[in-house]
Amino acid sequence: MQTNSLERIVPDQIHETRATGQQALALHLDRYRFAATHSTAGRILDIACGVGYGTNLLFDSASGCQYALGLDTDQDSITYASNRYQQQGLEFVVDDAMTFSGKDPFDSIITLETIEHLPDPEGFISHLTSLLRPGGMLIVSVPTTPTVDANPYHLHDFTKKSFRTLASTFPLKNWPEYPRNHSFRVTPS
């Protein structure tokens, strides 16, 4: 199992004395709690679920959740999630977010801190809306601080305005947002 990094948090493996890992986990859990509060009852898809702690939180906390599917491209993370959060109605699979096709539409799709990693953000949002049931909820989180220079995994930076502009090209209603500013600092070596 891959340990904690810029891109993957494994809650059971945060043993550091400095608060960075705990702070990042707290930010992720806050976003998942927000998503659980605003999810539509029924079937939930969590895109880029990592090791599954957020999908598990959604399954346990979202009102009326009957089924939750966590999807990630990393086999080790999915194996970990499947073993750690095993319960009926909660499933984890290895698949690509851009090509995944579920057999039934989802009532809610959650993808947190994912879109900045992908070469085609517009295509990604288009694909996710095609997986939603009519009237479903799409909950997306992006960092709105400059990151591409310091984070090699990020292909795009978004401002609040540029993200809203991207989202406005799709038939999506504007819902409450959960602004959370977190500092990003690069220190010289």
N, C-alpha and C. Protein backbone atom coordinates (compact mmCIF):
# COMPACT_ATOMS: atom_id res chain seq x y z
N MET A 1 0.85 -1.18 0.00
CA MET A 1 0.00 0.00 0.00
C MET A 1 0.88 1.23 0.00
N GLN A 2 0.58 2.13 -0.91
CA GLN A 2 1.31 3.40 -0.99
C GLN A 2 1.04 4.20 0.28
N THR A 3 2.05 4.85 0.78
CA THR A 3 1.88 5.66 1.99
C THR A 3 1.42 7.07 1.61
N ASN A 4 1.18 7.86 2.61
CA ASN A 4 0.70 9.23 2.41
C ASN A 4 1.65 10.00 1.49
N SER A 5 1.05 10.81 0.61
CA SER A 5 1.82 11.60 -0.33
C SER A 5 1.03 12.86 -0.64
N LEU A 6 1.53 13.65 -1.59
CA LEU A 6 0.77 14.82 -2.03
C LEU A 6 -0.60 14.42 -2.56
N GLU A 7 -0.73 13.23 -3.09
CA GLU A 7 -1.95 12.84 -3.78
C GLU A 7 -2.75 11.75 -3.11
N ARG A 8 -2.25 11.11 -2.10
CA ARG A 8 -2.99 10.03 -1.48
C ARG A 8 -2.83 10.08 0.03
N ILE A 9 -3.94 10.10 0.71
CA ILE A 9 -3.92 10.09 2.17
C ILE A 9 -4.45 8.74 2.63
N VAL A 10 -3.71 8.09 3.51
CA VAL A 10 -4.13 6.83 4.11
C VAL A 10 -4.26 7.12 5.61
N PRO A 11 -5.49 7.33 6.09
CA PRO A 11 -5.68 7.76 7.48
C PRO A 11 -4.96 6.87 8.50
N ASP A 12 -4.96 5.56 8.29
CA ASP A 12 -4.32 4.65 9.24
C ASP A 12 -2.80 4.78 9.25
N GLN A 13 -2.25 5.51 8.29
CA GLN A 13 -0.79 5.62 8.19
C GLN A 13 -0.27 7.02 8.49
N ILE A 14 -1.10 7.88 9.04
CA ILE A 14 -0.63 9.22 9.41
C ILE A 14 -0.03 9.12 10.81
N HIS A 15 1.29 9.11 10.83
CA HIS A 15 2.01 8.97 12.10
C HIS A 15 3.00 10.12 12.31
N GLU A 16 2.87 11.16 11.52
CA GLU A 16 3.85 12.23 11.58
C GLU A 16 3.61 13.15 12.77
N THR A 17 4.65 13.81 13.20
CA THR A 17 4.52 14.71 14.32
C THR A 17 4.01 16.08 13.86
N ARG A 18 4.33 16.46 12.64
CA ARG A 18 3.79 17.73 12.16
C ARG A 18 2.35 17.51 11.70
N ALA A 19 1.58 18.55 11.60
CA ALA A 19 0.14 18.44 11.39
C ALA A 19 -0.29 18.33 9.93
N THR A 20 0.63 18.40 8.98
CA THR A 20 0.26 18.45 7.57
C THR A 20 -0.69 17.34 7.16
N GLY A 21 -0.37 16.08 7.45
CA GLY A 21 -1.22 14.96 7.07
C GLY A 21 -2.58 15.02 7.74
N GLN A 22 -2.60 15.33 9.02
CA GLN A 22 -3.87 15.44 9.74
C GLN A 22 -4.72 16.59 9.20
N GLN A 23 -4.06 17.70 8.86
CA GLN A 23 -4.79 18.85 8.31
C GLN A 23 -5.39 18.51 6.96
N ALA A 24 -4.62 17.85 6.10
CA ALA A 24 -5.14 17.46 4.78
C ALA A 24 -6.30 16.49 4.93
N LEU A 25 -6.18 15.53 5.83
CA LEU A 25 -7.27 14.59 6.08
C LEU A 25 -8.51 15.32 6.58
N ALA A 26 -8.32 16.25 7.50
CA ALA A 26 -9.46 17.02 8.03
C ALA A 26 -10.16 17.80 6.91
N LEU A 27 -9.39 18.40 5.99
CA LEU A 27 -9.99 19.12 4.86
C LEU A 27 -10.81 18.17 3.98
N HIS A 28 -10.25 17.00 3.69
CA HIS A 28 -10.97 16.03 2.86
C HIS A 28 -12.25 15.58 3.55
N LEU A 29 -12.16 15.26 4.83
CA LEU A 29 -13.35 14.80 5.56
C LEU A 29 -14.42 15.89 5.64
N ASP A 30 -14.01 17.15 5.81
CA ASP A 30 -14.97 18.27 5.79
C ASP A 30 -15.71 18.32 4.46
N ARG A 31 -14.98 18.16 3.36
CA ARG A 31 -15.60 18.19 2.04
C ARG A 31 -16.55 17.01 1.86
N TYR A 32 -16.15 15.84 2.33
CA TYR A 32 -17.04 14.68 2.23
C TYR A 32 -18.29 14.86 3.09
N ARG A 33 -18.16 15.46 4.25
CA ARG A 33 -19.35 15.71 5.08
C ARG A 33 -20.30 16.69 4.38
N PHE A 34 -19.73 17.72 3.76
CA PHE A 34 -20.54 18.66 2.97
C PHE A 34 -21.26 17.90 1.86
N ALA A 35 -20.53 17.04 1.14
CA ALA A 35 -21.13 16.27 0.04
C ALA A 35 -22.23 15.36 0.57
N ALA A 36 -22.02 14.73 1.71
CA ALA A 36 -23.03 13.83 2.29
C ALA A 36 -24.30 14.60 2.62
N THR A 37 -24.14 15.82 3.10
CA THR A 37 -25.29 16.66 3.46
C THR A 37 -26.10 17.07 2.22
N HIS A 38 -25.43 17.24 1.08
CA HIS A 38 -26.09 17.73 -0.12
C HIS A 38 -26.38 16.65 -1.16
N SER A 39 -26.05 15.41 -0.87
CA SER A 39 -26.28 14.32 -1.82
C SER A 39 -27.77 14.01 -1.92
N THR A 40 -28.14 13.52 -3.09
CA THR A 40 -29.51 13.06 -3.33
C THR A 40 -29.59 11.60 -2.90
N ALA A 41 -30.66 11.22 -2.24
CA ALA A 41 -30.83 9.85 -1.77
C ALA A 41 -30.76 8.86 -2.92
N GLY A 42 -30.24 7.67 -2.63
CA GLY A 42 -30.18 6.62 -3.64
C GLY A 42 -28.77 6.12 -3.86
N ARG A 43 -28.35 6.13 -5.12
CA ARG A 43 -27.04 5.61 -5.52
C ARG A 43 -26.02 6.73 -5.61
N ILE A 44 -24.86 6.52 -4.97
CA ILE A 44 -23.79 7.53 -4.95
C ILE A 44 -22.54 6.95 -5.62
N LEU A 45 -21.91 7.76 -6.46
CA LEU A 45 -20.63 7.42 -7.08
C LEU A 45 -19.58 8.40 -6.57
N ASP A 46 -18.48 7.87 -6.05
CA ASP A 46 -17.36 8.68 -5.58
C ASP A 46 -16.19 8.44 -6.53
N ILE A 47 -15.92 9.44 -7.37
CA ILE A 47 -14.85 9.33 -8.38
C ILE A 47 -13.53 9.73 -7.74
N ALA A 48 -12.48 8.95 -7.99
CA ALA A 48 -11.14 9.16 -7.42
C ALA A 48 -11.20 9.02 -5.91
N CYS A 49 -11.72 7.89 -5.47
CA CYS A 49 -11.99 7.66 -4.05
C CYS A 49 -10.76 7.38 -3.22
N GLY A 50 -9.61 7.16 -3.85
CA GLY A 50 -8.41 6.85 -3.07
C GLY A 50 -8.60 5.58 -2.28
N VAL A 51 -8.30 5.62 -0.99
CA VAL A 51 -8.38 4.43 -0.14
C VAL A 51 -9.75 4.24 0.50
N GLY A 52 -10.74 5.02 0.09
CA GLY A 52 -12.13 4.74 0.42
C GLY A 52 -12.73 5.36 1.66
N TYR A 53 -11.97 6.11 2.44
CA TYR A 53 -12.55 6.67 3.67
C TYR A 53 -13.70 7.62 3.38
N GLY A 54 -13.61 8.39 2.29
CA GLY A 54 -14.69 9.30 1.94
C GLY A 54 -15.93 8.59 1.43
N THR A 55 -15.74 7.56 0.63
CA THR A 55 -16.88 6.77 0.14
C THR A 55 -17.60 6.13 1.32
N ASN A 56 -16.83 5.61 2.26
CA ASN A 56 -17.42 5.03 3.46
C ASN A 56 -18.21 6.07 4.24
N LEU A 57 -17.65 7.26 4.39
CA LEU A 57 -18.35 8.34 5.08
C LEU A 57 -19.66 8.68 4.36
N LEU A 58 -19.61 8.78 3.03
CA LEU A 58 -20.82 9.07 2.25
C LEU A 58 -21.88 7.99 2.48
N PHE A 59 -21.47 6.74 2.41
CA PHE A 59 -22.40 5.62 2.57
C PHE A 59 -23.06 5.66 3.95
N ASP A 60 -22.27 5.92 4.97
CA ASP A 60 -22.79 5.94 6.34
C ASP A 60 -23.57 7.21 6.68
N SER A 61 -23.28 8.33 6.00
CA SER A 61 -23.82 9.62 6.43
C SER A 61 -24.84 10.25 5.49
N ALA A 62 -24.80 9.95 4.21
CA ALA A 62 -25.72 10.60 3.27
C ALA A 62 -27.12 10.06 3.50
N SER A 63 -28.05 10.95 3.66
CA SER A 63 -29.43 10.57 3.93
C SER A 63 -30.00 9.76 2.77
N GLY A 64 -30.49 8.58 3.07
CA GLY A 64 -31.12 7.74 2.06
C GLY A 64 -30.17 7.04 1.11
N CYS A 65 -28.89 6.99 1.43
CA CYS A 65 -27.94 6.29 0.55
C CYS A 65 -28.20 4.79 0.62
N GLN A 66 -28.48 4.21 -0.54
CA GLN A 66 -28.73 2.77 -0.61
C GLN A 66 -27.53 2.00 -1.12
N TYR A 67 -26.69 2.70 -1.89
CA TYR A 67 -25.53 2.06 -2.51
C TYR A 67 -24.49 3.13 -2.77
N ALA A 68 -23.24 2.82 -2.49
CA ALA A 68 -22.15 3.75 -2.80
C ALA A 68 -21.04 2.98 -3.50
N LEU A 69 -20.55 3.56 -4.59
CA LEU A 69 -19.47 2.97 -5.36
C LEU A 69 -18.29 3.93 -5.36
N GLY A 70 -17.14 3.45 -4.91
CA GLY A 70 -15.91 4.21 -4.96
C GLY A 70 -15.08 3.73 -6.13
N LEU A 71 -14.60 4.67 -6.93
CA LEU A 71 -13.85 4.35 -8.15
C LEU A 71 -12.49 5.02 -8.10
N ASP A 72 -11.45 4.29 -8.44
CA ASP A 72 -10.11 4.86 -8.50
C ASP A 72 -9.29 4.04 -9.48
N THR A 73 -8.22 4.62 -10.02
CA THR A 73 -7.37 3.91 -10.97
C THR A 73 -6.28 3.09 -10.29
N ASP A 74 -6.07 3.28 -9.00
CA ASP A 74 -4.98 2.62 -8.30
C ASP A 74 -5.46 1.33 -7.63
N GLN A 75 -4.96 0.20 -8.13
CA GLN A 75 -5.38 -1.12 -7.61
C GLN A 75 -5.09 -1.28 -6.12
N ASP A 76 -3.92 -0.85 -5.66
CA ASP A 76 -3.58 -0.99 -4.23
C ASP A 76 -4.57 -0.23 -3.35
N SER A 77 -4.97 0.95 -3.79
CA SER A 77 -5.93 1.74 -3.01
C SER A 77 -7.30 1.06 -2.96
N ILE A 78 -7.72 0.51 -4.09
CA ILE A 78 -9.03 -0.17 -4.13
C ILE A 78 -9.00 -1.44 -3.29
N THR A 79 -7.90 -2.17 -3.33
CA THR A 79 -7.78 -3.37 -2.49
C THR A 79 -7.86 -2.99 -1.02
N TYR A 80 -7.13 -1.94 -0.65
CA TYR A 80 -7.17 -1.45 0.73
C TYR A 80 -8.60 -1.07 1.13
N ALA A 81 -9.26 -0.27 0.29
CA ALA A 81 -10.62 0.19 0.58
C ALA A 81 -11.58 -0.98 0.72
N SER A 82 -11.49 -1.94 -0.19
CA SER A 82 -12.39 -3.10 -0.16
C SER A 82 -12.21 -3.91 1.12
N ASN A 83 -10.98 -4.03 1.58
CA ASN A 83 -10.72 -4.77 2.82
C ASN A 83 -11.09 -3.97 4.06
N ARG A 84 -10.77 -2.69 4.06
CA ARG A 84 -10.96 -1.84 5.25
C ARG A 84 -12.42 -1.46 5.49
N TYR A 85 -13.18 -1.22 4.43
CA TYR A 85 -14.54 -0.70 4.57
C TYR A 85 -15.58 -1.67 4.01
N GLN A 86 -15.43 -2.91 4.30
CA GLN A 86 -16.30 -3.94 3.77
C GLN A 86 -17.67 -3.92 4.46
N GLN A 87 -18.71 -3.66 3.66
CA GLN A 87 -20.09 -3.77 4.15
C GLN A 87 -21.03 -3.84 2.96
N GLN A 88 -22.19 -4.43 3.17
CA GLN A 88 -23.16 -4.58 2.10
C GLN A 88 -23.64 -3.20 1.63
N GLY A 89 -23.67 -3.02 0.31
CA GLY A 89 -24.11 -1.75 -0.26
C GLY A 89 -22.97 -0.79 -0.56
N LEU A 90 -21.76 -1.16 -0.18
CA LEU A 90 -20.58 -0.33 -0.40
C LEU A 90 -19.59 -1.14 -1.24
N GLU A 91 -19.20 -0.58 -2.38
CA GLU A 91 -18.35 -1.32 -3.31
C GLU A 91 -17.23 -0.40 -3.82
N PHE A 92 -16.10 -1.00 -4.15
CA PHE A 92 -14.96 -0.27 -4.69
C PHE A 92 -14.47 -0.98 -5.93
N VAL A 93 -14.18 -0.22 -6.99
CA VAL A 93 -13.70 -0.80 -8.25
C VAL A 93 -12.57 0.03 -8.83
N VAL A 94 -11.70 -0.66 -9.57
CA VAL A 94 -10.65 0.00 -10.33
C VAL A 94 -11.22 0.32 -11.70
N ASP A 95 -11.17 1.59 -12.06
CA ASP A 95 -11.64 2.00 -13.38
C ASP A 95 -11.16 3.43 -13.63
N ASP A 96 -11.26 3.84 -14.87
CA ASP A 96 -10.87 5.17 -15.29
C ASP A 96 -12.10 6.08 -15.27
N ALA A 97 -12.00 7.20 -14.62
CA ALA A 97 -13.13 8.12 -14.49
C ALA A 97 -13.65 8.62 -15.84
N MET A 98 -12.77 8.73 -16.82
CA MET A 98 -13.16 9.26 -18.13
C MET A 98 -13.89 8.23 -18.99
N THR A 99 -13.76 6.95 -18.67
CA THR A 99 -14.38 5.92 -19.50
C THR A 99 -15.36 5.05 -18.74
N PHE A 100 -15.45 5.20 -17.43
CA PHE A 100 -16.35 4.39 -16.61
C PHE A 100 -17.79 4.54 -17.09
N SER A 101 -18.50 3.40 -17.15
CA SER A 101 -19.92 3.47 -17.46
C SER A 101 -20.65 2.49 -16.55
N GLY A 102 -21.44 3.03 -15.67
CA GLY A 102 -22.23 2.19 -14.77
C GLY A 102 -23.44 1.67 -15.50
N LYS A 103 -23.98 0.55 -15.01
CA LYS A 103 -25.17 0.00 -15.68
C LYS A 103 -26.42 0.81 -15.36
N ASP A 104 -26.45 1.45 -14.21
CA ASP A 104 -27.59 2.29 -13.82
C ASP A 104 -27.09 3.69 -13.50
N PRO A 105 -27.92 4.71 -13.76
CA PRO A 105 -27.49 6.08 -13.43
C PRO A 105 -27.36 6.28 -11.92
N PHE A 106 -26.62 7.31 -11.56
CA PHE A 106 -26.39 7.63 -10.15
C PHE A 106 -27.22 8.85 -9.75
N ASP A 107 -27.64 8.85 -8.50
CA ASP A 107 -28.41 9.98 -7.96
C ASP A 107 -27.47 11.11 -7.55
N SER A 108 -26.27 10.76 -7.13
CA SER A 108 -25.26 11.75 -6.75
C SER A 108 -23.90 11.25 -7.20
N ILE A 109 -23.11 12.17 -7.72
CA ILE A 109 -21.72 11.87 -8.06
C ILE A 109 -20.85 12.90 -7.35
N ILE A 110 -19.86 12.40 -6.65
CA ILE A 110 -18.96 13.26 -5.90
C ILE A 110 -17.55 13.03 -6.45
N THR A 111 -16.85 14.11 -6.72
CA THR A 111 -15.45 14.03 -7.11
C THR A 111 -14.72 15.22 -6.51
N LEU A 112 -13.85 14.92 -5.58
CA LEU A 112 -13.16 15.96 -4.83
C LEU A 112 -11.69 16.01 -5.20
N GLU A 113 -11.25 17.20 -5.58
CA GLU A 113 -9.83 17.42 -5.89
C GLU A 113 -9.36 16.43 -6.97
N THR A 114 -10.13 16.34 -8.06
CA THR A 114 -9.81 15.41 -9.15
C THR A 114 -9.58 16.13 -10.46
N ILE A 115 -10.45 17.05 -10.79
CA ILE A 115 -10.49 17.64 -12.13
C ILE A 115 -9.19 18.34 -12.52
N GLU A 116 -8.46 18.86 -11.54
CA GLU A 116 -7.20 19.55 -11.84
C GLU A 116 -6.10 18.59 -12.32
N HIS A 117 -6.34 17.29 -12.16
CA HIS A 117 -5.37 16.27 -12.58
C HIS A 117 -5.59 15.79 -14.01
N LEU A 118 -6.72 16.13 -14.58
CA LEU A 118 -7.12 15.53 -15.86
C LEU A 118 -6.83 16.44 -17.05
N PRO A 119 -6.46 15.87 -18.19
CA PRO A 119 -6.14 16.69 -19.36
C PRO A 119 -7.36 17.38 -19.97
N ASP A 120 -8.57 16.86 -19.74
CA ASP A 120 -9.77 17.41 -20.36
C ASP A 120 -10.87 17.65 -19.32
N PRO A 121 -10.76 18.75 -18.55
CA PRO A 121 -11.77 19.02 -17.52
C PRO A 121 -13.19 19.10 -18.07
N GLU A 122 -13.36 19.74 -19.23
CA GLU A 122 -14.70 19.87 -19.81
C GLU A 122 -15.26 18.50 -20.18
N GLY A 123 -14.44 17.65 -20.78
CA GLY A 123 -14.87 16.30 -21.12
C GLY A 123 -15.22 15.49 -19.89
N PHE A 124 -14.48 15.71 -18.80
CA PHE A 124 -14.74 15.02 -17.55
C PHE A 124 -16.12 15.39 -17.00
N ILE A 125 -16.41 16.69 -16.92
CA ILE A 125 -17.72 17.13 -16.42
C ILE A 125 -18.84 16.61 -17.33
N SER A 126 -18.61 16.65 -18.62
CA SER A 126 -19.61 16.14 -19.57
C SER A 126 -19.88 14.66 -19.31
N HIS A 127 -18.82 13.89 -19.11
CA HIS A 127 -18.98 12.46 -18.86
C HIS A 127 -19.74 12.22 -17.55
N LEU A 128 -19.39 12.96 -16.51
CA LEU A 128 -20.07 12.76 -15.23
C LEU A 128 -21.56 13.10 -15.33
N THR A 129 -21.90 14.17 -16.03
CA THR A 129 -23.32 14.51 -16.16
C THR A 129 -24.08 13.43 -16.92
N SER A 130 -23.39 12.70 -17.82
CA SER A 130 -24.06 11.61 -18.55
C SER A 130 -24.33 10.41 -17.64
N LEU A 131 -23.64 10.32 -16.52
CA LEU A 131 -23.84 9.21 -15.58
C LEU A 131 -24.89 9.52 -14.51
N LEU A 132 -25.37 10.76 -14.49
CA LEU A 132 -26.35 11.19 -13.48
C LEU A 132 -27.78 10.89 -13.91
N ARG A 133 -28.58 10.52 -12.95
CA ARG A 133 -30.02 10.39 -13.15
C ARG A 133 -30.59 11.82 -13.31
N PRO A 134 -31.62 12.02 -14.13
CA PRO A 134 -32.21 13.37 -14.22
C PRO A 134 -32.57 13.89 -12.82
N GLY A 135 -32.17 15.11 -12.54
CA GLY A 135 -32.40 15.70 -11.22
C GLY A 135 -31.34 15.31 -10.20
N GLY A 136 -30.31 14.58 -10.64
CA GLY A 136 -29.25 14.14 -9.74
C GLY A 136 -28.33 15.29 -9.34
N MET A 137 -27.44 14.99 -8.43
CA MET A 137 -26.54 15.99 -7.86
C MET A 137 -25.10 15.67 -8.21
N LEU A 138 -24.40 16.65 -8.78
CA LEU A 138 -22.97 16.53 -9.05
C LEU A 138 -22.25 17.47 -8.10
N ILE A 139 -21.37 16.93 -7.28
CA ILE A 139 -20.63 17.72 -6.30
C ILE A 139 -19.15 17.61 -6.65
N VAL A 140 -18.54 18.75 -6.98
CA VAL A 140 -17.16 18.79 -7.43
C VAL A 140 -16.39 19.79 -6.57
N SER A 141 -15.19 19.40 -6.21
CA SER A 141 -14.31 20.27 -5.44
C SER A 141 -13.00 20.43 -6.20
N VAL A 142 -12.51 21.66 -6.27
CA VAL A 142 -11.22 21.95 -6.90
C VAL A 142 -10.43 22.91 -6.02
N PRO A 143 -9.10 22.79 -6.05
CA PRO A 143 -8.33 23.82 -5.35
C PRO A 143 -8.38 25.11 -6.16
N THR A 144 -8.48 26.21 -5.48
CA THR A 144 -8.50 27.51 -6.17
C THR A 144 -7.29 28.35 -5.77
N THR A 145 -6.22 27.66 -5.49
CA THR A 145 -4.94 28.31 -5.23
C THR A 145 -3.96 27.81 -6.29
N PRO A 146 -3.00 28.61 -6.69
CA PRO A 146 -2.03 28.14 -7.69
C PRO A 146 -1.30 26.89 -7.20
N THR A 147 -1.29 25.86 -8.05
CA THR A 147 -0.65 24.61 -7.64
C THR A 147 0.21 23.97 -8.71
N VAL A 148 -0.01 24.27 -9.99
CA VAL A 148 0.67 23.51 -11.04
C VAL A 148 2.19 23.66 -11.00
N ASP A 149 2.70 24.75 -10.50
CA ASP A 149 4.15 24.90 -10.42
C ASP A 149 4.76 24.03 -9.33
N ALA A 150 4.02 23.79 -8.26
CA ALA A 150 4.58 23.07 -7.13
C ALA A 150 4.08 21.63 -7.03
N ASN A 151 2.94 21.32 -7.62
CA ASN A 151 2.41 19.97 -7.54
C ASN A 151 2.49 19.33 -8.92
N PRO A 152 3.36 18.38 -9.11
CA PRO A 152 3.56 17.79 -10.44
C PRO A 152 2.35 17.00 -10.94
N TYR A 153 1.40 16.71 -10.08
CA TYR A 153 0.22 15.95 -10.48
C TYR A 153 -0.90 16.84 -11.02
N HIS A 154 -0.81 18.13 -10.80
CA HIS A 154 -1.85 19.05 -11.25
C HIS A 154 -1.55 19.57 -12.64
N LEU A 155 -2.53 19.43 -13.53
CA LEU A 155 -2.40 19.90 -14.91
C LEU A 155 -3.07 21.25 -15.12
N HIS A 156 -3.98 21.63 -14.20
CA HIS A 156 -4.75 22.87 -14.34
C HIS A 156 -4.87 23.57 -13.01
N ASP A 157 -4.94 24.86 -13.07
CA ASP A 157 -5.31 25.69 -11.92
C ASP A 157 -6.66 26.30 -12.23
N PHE A 158 -7.48 26.45 -11.20
CA PHE A 158 -8.78 27.09 -11.35
C PHE A 158 -8.90 28.23 -10.36
N THR A 159 -9.59 29.27 -10.79
CA THR A 159 -10.06 30.29 -9.87
C THR A 159 -11.54 29.98 -9.66
N LYS A 160 -12.13 30.62 -8.71
CA LYS A 160 -13.57 30.44 -8.50
C LYS A 160 -14.32 30.78 -9.79
N LYS A 161 -13.92 31.88 -10.43
CA LYS A 161 -14.58 32.32 -11.67
C LYS A 161 -14.36 31.33 -12.82
N SER A 162 -13.14 30.86 -13.02
CA SER A 162 -12.89 29.95 -14.14
C SER A 162 -13.61 28.62 -13.94
N PHE A 163 -13.73 28.17 -12.69
CA PHE A 163 -14.46 26.93 -12.46
C PHE A 163 -15.95 27.12 -12.71
N ARG A 164 -16.50 28.24 -12.25
CA ARG A 164 -17.93 28.52 -12.51
C ARG A 164 -18.19 28.65 -14.01
N THR A 165 -17.26 29.25 -14.74
CA THR A 165 -17.40 29.38 -16.20
C THR A 165 -17.43 27.99 -16.84
N LEU A 166 -16.54 27.11 -16.42
CA LEU A 166 -16.53 25.75 -16.93
C LEU A 166 -17.87 25.05 -16.63
N ALA A 167 -18.32 25.13 -15.41
CA ALA A 167 -19.57 24.47 -15.01
C ALA A 167 -20.78 25.05 -15.73
N SER A 168 -20.73 26.33 -16.07
CA SER A 168 -21.89 26.98 -16.69
C SER A 168 -22.16 26.48 -18.10
N THR A 169 -21.23 25.76 -18.70
CA THR A 169 -21.46 25.23 -20.05
C THR A 169 -22.31 23.97 -20.03
N PHE A 170 -22.69 23.51 -18.86
CA PHE A 170 -23.50 22.29 -18.71
C PHE A 170 -24.83 22.64 -18.06
N PRO A 171 -25.84 21.79 -18.28
CA PRO A 171 -27.16 22.06 -17.69
C PRO A 171 -27.18 21.72 -16.20
N LEU A 172 -26.42 22.48 -15.42
CA LEU A 172 -26.33 22.26 -13.98
C LEU A 172 -26.87 23.48 -13.25
N LYS A 173 -27.60 23.23 -12.19
CA LYS A 173 -28.06 24.32 -11.34
C LYS A 173 -26.95 24.66 -10.35
N ASN A 174 -26.89 25.91 -9.98
CA ASN A 174 -25.90 26.34 -9.00
C ASN A 174 -26.43 26.05 -7.60
N TRP A 175 -25.65 25.33 -6.82
CA TRP A 175 -26.04 24.98 -5.47
C TRP A 175 -25.08 25.60 -4.48
N PRO A 176 -25.34 25.42 -3.21
CA PRO A 176 -24.45 26.02 -2.20
C PRO A 176 -23.01 25.56 -2.40
N GLU A 177 -22.11 26.42 -2.03
CA GLU A 177 -20.70 26.05 -2.11
C GLU A 177 -20.12 26.01 -0.72
N TYR A 178 -19.04 25.31 -0.63
CA TYR A 178 -18.33 25.16 0.63
C TYR A 178 -16.93 25.72 0.45
N PRO A 179 -16.81 27.04 0.56
CA PRO A 179 -15.47 27.61 0.38
C PRO A 179 -14.57 27.24 1.55
N ARG A 180 -13.41 26.80 1.22
CA ARG A 180 -12.45 26.47 2.26
C ARG A 180 -11.10 26.89 1.76
N ASN A 181 -10.56 27.91 2.34
CA ASN A 181 -9.24 28.38 1.94
C ASN A 181 -8.20 27.62 2.75
N HIS A 182 -7.22 27.13 2.06
CA HIS A 182 -6.08 26.55 2.75
C HIS A 182 -4.82 27.08 2.09
N SER A 183 -3.89 27.37 2.92
CA SER A 183 -2.68 27.98 2.40
C SER A 183 -1.82 26.96 1.68
N PHE A 184 -1.11 27.45 0.73
CA PHE A 184 -0.17 26.63 -0.01
C PHE A 184 1.14 27.39 0.00
N ARG A 185 2.16 26.77 0.50
CA ARG A 185 3.42 27.47 0.65
C ARG A 185 4.57 26.59 0.17
N VAL A 186 5.44 27.19 -0.59
CA VAL A 186 6.65 26.49 -1.03
C VAL A 186 7.82 27.09 -0.27
N THR A 187 8.59 26.24 0.36
CA THR A 187 9.76 26.74 1.06
C THR A 187 11.00 26.26 0.31
N PRO A 188 12.00 27.13 0.18
CA PRO A 188 13.21 26.73 -0.52
C PRO A 188 13.92 25.60 0.21
N SER A 189 14.58 24.73 -0.55
CA SER A 189 15.33 23.62 0.08
C SER A 189 16.65 24.10 0.60
